[in-house]
N, C-alpha and C. Protein backbone atom coordinates (compact mmCIF):
# COMPACT_ATOMS: atom_id res chain seq x y z
N MET A 1 91.77 125.62 103.79
CA MET A 1 92.27 124.29 104.04
C MET A 1 93.03 123.81 102.80
N LYS A 2 94.21 123.29 103.01
CA LYS A 2 95.05 122.83 101.91
C LYS A 2 94.60 121.45 101.43
N ALA A 3 94.47 121.27 100.11
CA ALA A 3 94.05 119.99 99.55
C ALA A 3 95.20 119.00 99.60
N LYS A 4 94.86 117.73 99.87
CA LYS A 4 95.87 116.67 99.88
C LYS A 4 96.35 116.41 98.47
N LYS A 5 97.66 116.30 98.30
CA LYS A 5 98.23 115.99 97.00
C LYS A 5 98.02 114.49 96.74
N GLN A 6 97.40 114.17 95.63
CA GLN A 6 97.13 112.78 95.29
C GLN A 6 98.33 112.16 94.58
N MET A 7 98.76 111.00 95.08
CA MET A 7 99.82 110.26 94.42
C MET A 7 99.20 109.42 93.33
N SER A 8 99.95 109.18 92.26
CA SER A 8 99.42 108.33 91.21
C SER A 8 99.30 106.90 91.73
N LYS A 9 98.31 106.20 91.26
CA LYS A 9 98.07 104.83 91.72
C LYS A 9 99.00 103.88 90.97
N PRO A 10 99.65 102.99 91.71
CA PRO A 10 100.54 102.04 91.05
C PRO A 10 99.75 101.01 90.24
N GLU A 11 100.36 100.51 89.19
CA GLU A 11 99.74 99.46 88.39
C GLU A 11 100.37 98.13 88.79
N TYR A 12 99.54 97.12 88.93
CA TYR A 12 100.00 95.80 89.34
C TYR A 12 99.84 94.82 88.20
N PRO A 13 100.67 93.81 88.09
CA PRO A 13 101.78 93.55 88.99
C PRO A 13 102.94 94.50 88.71
N MET A 14 103.79 94.67 89.68
CA MET A 14 104.99 95.49 89.51
C MET A 14 106.19 94.66 89.94
N SER A 15 107.32 94.99 89.39
CA SER A 15 108.54 94.26 89.71
C SER A 15 109.70 95.24 89.68
N ILE A 16 110.64 95.10 90.61
CA ILE A 16 111.84 95.93 90.60
C ILE A 16 113.05 95.02 90.74
N GLU A 17 114.20 95.52 90.33
CA GLU A 17 115.46 94.85 90.60
C GLU A 17 116.28 95.82 91.42
N THR A 18 117.00 95.31 92.41
CA THR A 18 117.76 96.16 93.30
C THR A 18 119.06 95.49 93.70
N PHE A 19 120.04 96.29 94.06
CA PHE A 19 121.28 95.76 94.63
C PHE A 19 121.19 95.72 96.15
N GLN A 20 120.11 96.24 96.69
CA GLN A 20 119.90 96.24 98.14
C GLN A 20 119.63 94.82 98.61
N HIS A 21 120.40 94.35 99.58
CA HIS A 21 120.15 93.03 100.16
C HIS A 21 118.84 93.09 100.93
N ILE A 22 117.94 92.16 100.66
CA ILE A 22 116.66 92.10 101.36
C ILE A 22 116.77 90.98 102.39
N GLY A 23 116.78 91.35 103.63
CA GLY A 23 116.92 90.37 104.71
C GLY A 23 115.74 90.42 105.65
N GLU A 24 115.86 89.71 106.76
CA GLU A 24 114.77 89.62 107.75
C GLU A 24 114.37 91.00 108.26
N PHE A 25 115.35 91.88 108.47
CA PHE A 25 115.05 93.24 108.95
C PHE A 25 114.10 93.95 107.99
N ASP A 26 114.40 93.89 106.69
CA ASP A 26 113.57 94.55 105.69
C ASP A 26 112.18 93.93 105.62
N LEU A 27 112.14 92.62 105.65
CA LEU A 27 110.85 91.93 105.56
C LEU A 27 109.95 92.22 106.76
N ARG A 28 110.55 92.38 107.95
CA ARG A 28 109.75 92.70 109.14
C ARG A 28 109.01 94.02 108.97
N HIS A 29 109.61 94.96 108.23
CA HIS A 29 109.01 96.27 108.06
C HIS A 29 107.84 96.28 107.08
N ILE A 30 107.73 95.26 106.25
CA ILE A 30 106.60 95.24 105.33
C ILE A 30 105.57 94.16 105.69
N LYS A 31 105.91 93.30 106.64
CA LYS A 31 104.95 92.28 107.06
C LYS A 31 103.81 92.95 107.83
N GLN A 32 102.61 92.61 107.48
CA GLN A 32 101.44 93.10 108.20
C GLN A 32 100.40 91.98 108.14
N PRO A 33 100.29 91.20 109.20
CA PRO A 33 99.44 90.00 109.16
C PRO A 33 97.93 90.28 109.20
N GLU A 34 97.52 91.47 109.59
CA GLU A 34 96.10 91.79 109.72
C GLU A 34 95.77 93.10 109.00
N PRO A 35 94.55 93.24 108.49
CA PRO A 35 94.14 94.53 107.92
C PRO A 35 94.11 95.59 109.03
N SER A 36 94.21 96.86 108.62
CA SER A 36 94.20 97.91 109.64
C SER A 36 93.67 99.22 109.09
N CYS A 37 93.42 100.13 110.01
CA CYS A 37 93.08 101.51 109.68
C CYS A 37 93.84 102.37 110.69
N PHE A 38 94.79 103.18 110.22
CA PHE A 38 95.61 103.99 111.11
C PHE A 38 95.94 105.29 110.41
N ASN A 39 95.74 106.41 111.11
CA ASN A 39 96.00 107.74 110.57
C ASN A 39 95.35 107.95 109.21
N GLY A 40 94.14 107.44 109.05
CA GLY A 40 93.42 107.64 107.81
C GLY A 40 93.79 106.70 106.68
N ARG A 41 94.71 105.79 106.93
CA ARG A 41 95.14 104.84 105.90
C ARG A 41 94.48 103.49 106.17
N VAL A 42 93.65 103.05 105.24
CA VAL A 42 92.94 101.78 105.37
C VAL A 42 93.67 100.74 104.53
N THR A 43 94.09 99.65 105.18
CA THR A 43 94.78 98.59 104.45
C THR A 43 94.00 97.30 104.58
N VAL A 44 93.25 96.98 103.51
CA VAL A 44 92.46 95.75 103.49
C VAL A 44 92.79 94.88 102.27
N VAL A 45 93.53 95.43 101.31
CA VAL A 45 93.93 94.68 100.12
C VAL A 45 95.24 93.97 100.42
N LYS A 46 95.34 92.71 100.03
CA LYS A 46 96.52 91.89 100.31
C LYS A 46 97.47 91.89 99.11
N TYR A 47 98.77 91.86 99.37
CA TYR A 47 99.81 91.83 98.34
C TYR A 47 100.76 90.67 98.61
N ARG A 48 101.36 90.16 97.57
CA ARG A 48 102.38 89.13 97.71
C ARG A 48 103.71 89.73 97.23
N VAL A 49 104.71 89.64 98.07
CA VAL A 49 106.05 90.12 97.73
C VAL A 49 106.96 88.91 97.68
N THR A 50 107.64 88.74 96.55
CA THR A 50 108.57 87.63 96.39
C THR A 50 109.97 88.21 96.17
N VAL A 51 110.93 87.73 96.94
CA VAL A 51 112.31 88.17 96.79
C VAL A 51 113.12 86.99 96.29
N GLU A 52 113.81 87.16 95.17
CA GLU A 52 114.66 86.10 94.67
C GLU A 52 116.00 86.67 94.27
N LYS A 53 117.03 85.91 94.52
CA LYS A 53 118.38 86.29 94.16
C LYS A 53 118.57 86.07 92.66
N ILE A 54 119.13 87.04 91.97
CA ILE A 54 119.39 86.93 90.54
C ILE A 54 120.82 86.46 90.36
N GLU A 55 120.98 85.24 89.91
CA GLU A 55 122.33 84.69 89.67
C GLU A 55 122.85 85.26 88.35
N GLU A 56 124.06 85.77 88.36
CA GLU A 56 124.68 86.34 87.17
C GLU A 56 126.07 85.75 86.99
N PRO A 57 126.62 85.84 85.79
CA PRO A 57 127.95 85.30 85.54
C PRO A 57 129.02 86.04 86.35
N THR A 58 130.08 85.33 86.67
CA THR A 58 131.19 85.92 87.43
C THR A 58 131.73 87.17 86.74
N GLU A 59 131.70 87.21 85.41
CA GLU A 59 132.20 88.38 84.66
C GLU A 59 131.43 89.64 85.02
N VAL A 60 130.15 89.50 85.29
CA VAL A 60 129.32 90.66 85.66
C VAL A 60 129.74 91.16 87.04
N TYR A 61 129.94 90.23 87.98
CA TYR A 61 130.39 90.63 89.32
C TYR A 61 131.78 91.24 89.26
N THR A 62 132.64 90.67 88.42
CA THR A 62 134.00 91.18 88.27
C THR A 62 133.98 92.63 87.80
N GLU A 63 133.16 92.91 86.78
CA GLU A 63 133.06 94.27 86.24
C GLU A 63 132.56 95.25 87.30
N ARG A 64 131.54 94.86 88.03
CA ARG A 64 130.98 95.74 89.06
C ARG A 64 131.97 96.00 90.18
N LEU A 65 132.59 94.92 90.67
CA LEU A 65 133.57 95.06 91.76
C LEU A 65 134.76 95.91 91.33
N GLN A 66 135.25 95.68 90.11
CA GLN A 66 136.40 96.44 89.63
C GLN A 66 136.08 97.93 89.54
N LYS A 67 134.88 98.27 89.07
CA LYS A 67 134.46 99.68 88.99
C LYS A 67 134.41 100.30 90.39
N LEU A 68 133.81 99.57 91.34
CA LEU A 68 133.76 100.08 92.72
C LEU A 68 135.17 100.26 93.27
N TRP A 69 136.05 99.31 93.00
CA TRP A 69 137.43 99.35 93.47
C TRP A 69 138.16 100.55 92.87
N ASP A 70 138.01 100.74 91.57
CA ASP A 70 138.71 101.82 90.87
C ASP A 70 138.24 103.20 91.35
N GLU A 71 136.96 103.32 91.67
CA GLU A 71 136.39 104.62 92.03
C GLU A 71 136.26 104.84 93.54
N CYS A 72 136.70 103.88 94.33
CA CYS A 72 136.54 103.96 95.78
C CYS A 72 137.39 105.09 96.37
N ASP A 73 136.75 106.00 97.08
CA ASP A 73 137.48 107.11 97.69
C ASP A 73 137.52 107.01 99.22
N ASN A 74 137.19 105.83 99.74
CA ASN A 74 137.17 105.65 101.19
C ASN A 74 137.95 104.39 101.55
N HIS A 75 139.08 104.57 102.22
CA HIS A 75 139.94 103.42 102.54
C HIS A 75 139.25 102.40 103.45
N HIS A 76 138.20 102.82 104.15
CA HIS A 76 137.46 101.89 104.99
C HIS A 76 136.73 100.82 104.16
N ASN A 77 136.50 101.09 102.90
CA ASN A 77 135.80 100.15 102.02
C ASN A 77 136.73 99.20 101.29
N TRP A 78 138.03 99.44 101.34
CA TRP A 78 138.96 98.61 100.57
C TRP A 78 138.93 97.15 101.00
N MET A 79 139.02 96.90 102.29
CA MET A 79 139.02 95.52 102.77
C MET A 79 137.68 94.82 102.48
N PRO A 80 136.52 95.47 102.73
CA PRO A 80 135.27 94.81 102.37
C PRO A 80 135.17 94.49 100.87
N LEU A 81 135.69 95.38 100.02
CA LEU A 81 135.69 95.10 98.59
C LEU A 81 136.59 93.90 98.27
N GLU A 82 137.76 93.86 98.89
CA GLU A 82 138.67 92.73 98.69
C GLU A 82 138.04 91.43 99.19
N ASP A 83 137.37 91.50 100.34
CA ASP A 83 136.72 90.31 100.90
C ASP A 83 135.62 89.79 99.98
N LYS A 84 134.79 90.69 99.44
CA LYS A 84 133.71 90.28 98.54
C LYS A 84 134.29 89.69 97.26
N ALA A 85 135.37 90.30 96.76
CA ALA A 85 136.03 89.78 95.55
C ALA A 85 136.54 88.36 95.80
N LYS A 86 137.17 88.15 96.94
CA LYS A 86 137.69 86.82 97.28
C LYS A 86 136.54 85.81 97.39
N GLN A 87 135.45 86.23 98.02
CA GLN A 87 134.28 85.37 98.20
C GLN A 87 133.70 84.94 96.85
N LEU A 88 133.74 85.84 95.86
CA LEU A 88 133.18 85.54 94.54
C LEU A 88 134.21 84.99 93.56
N GLY A 89 135.47 84.84 94.01
CA GLY A 89 136.51 84.33 93.14
C GLY A 89 136.98 85.33 92.11
N VAL A 90 136.93 86.61 92.47
CA VAL A 90 137.29 87.70 91.56
C VAL A 90 138.63 88.29 91.99
N THR A 91 139.49 88.60 91.01
CA THR A 91 140.77 89.24 91.30
C THR A 91 140.68 90.71 90.90
N LEU A 92 140.85 91.59 91.87
CA LEU A 92 140.83 93.03 91.60
C LEU A 92 142.19 93.45 91.05
N VAL A 93 142.16 94.33 90.06
CA VAL A 93 143.38 94.78 89.39
C VAL A 93 143.65 96.23 89.75
N GLY A 94 144.92 96.56 89.94
CA GLY A 94 145.30 97.96 90.19
C GLY A 94 145.13 98.37 91.64
N ARG A 95 145.27 99.67 91.84
CA ARG A 95 145.21 100.25 93.18
C ARG A 95 143.81 100.81 93.45
N ALA A 96 143.31 100.61 94.64
CA ALA A 96 141.98 101.13 95.00
C ALA A 96 141.94 102.64 94.84
N GLY A 97 140.87 103.15 94.27
CA GLY A 97 140.69 104.58 94.12
C GLY A 97 141.48 105.20 93.00
N SER A 98 142.12 104.39 92.15
CA SER A 98 142.97 104.94 91.10
C SER A 98 142.21 105.75 90.07
N GLN A 99 140.91 105.59 89.98
CA GLN A 99 140.11 106.34 89.00
C GLN A 99 138.99 107.13 89.68
N ARG A 100 139.21 107.46 90.96
CA ARG A 100 138.15 108.18 91.68
C ARG A 100 137.98 109.58 91.12
N LYS A 101 136.77 110.07 91.25
CA LYS A 101 136.44 111.41 90.76
C LYS A 101 136.96 112.44 91.75
N GLN A 102 137.59 113.45 91.23
CA GLN A 102 138.17 114.49 92.09
C GLN A 102 137.16 115.53 92.45
C-alpha cells in the first residue's frame, strides 16, 4: 500500500497579493457555511478571508500596461489593453508587440 504524501502545514495568518480579480464566482468556490466531512477531509476549523483592492499610483499602472502593450503577441488583446489604459487615464506609447519575444 502506497503511503499518502504529507503536505506541509500552512502557518497562519497568511496573506498573498495577486493580480487575479476576485469576484463573486471565486468567492462562491471557497464559501462553505457548514462544517463537513467528505472523501476523508474533515473541515471543522473556520477561516476568515478578506479581499481588498490595493490602490496604487497611476505611474505603476502605466508601467505595467506599457510592458504588456510592448510585449503583446496577440492582436486580440490590443483593444482590451487600450480600453484598460483609457479607463485608467493612461496613454500607451508605440506599437503593440514592438518588443515581443521571438
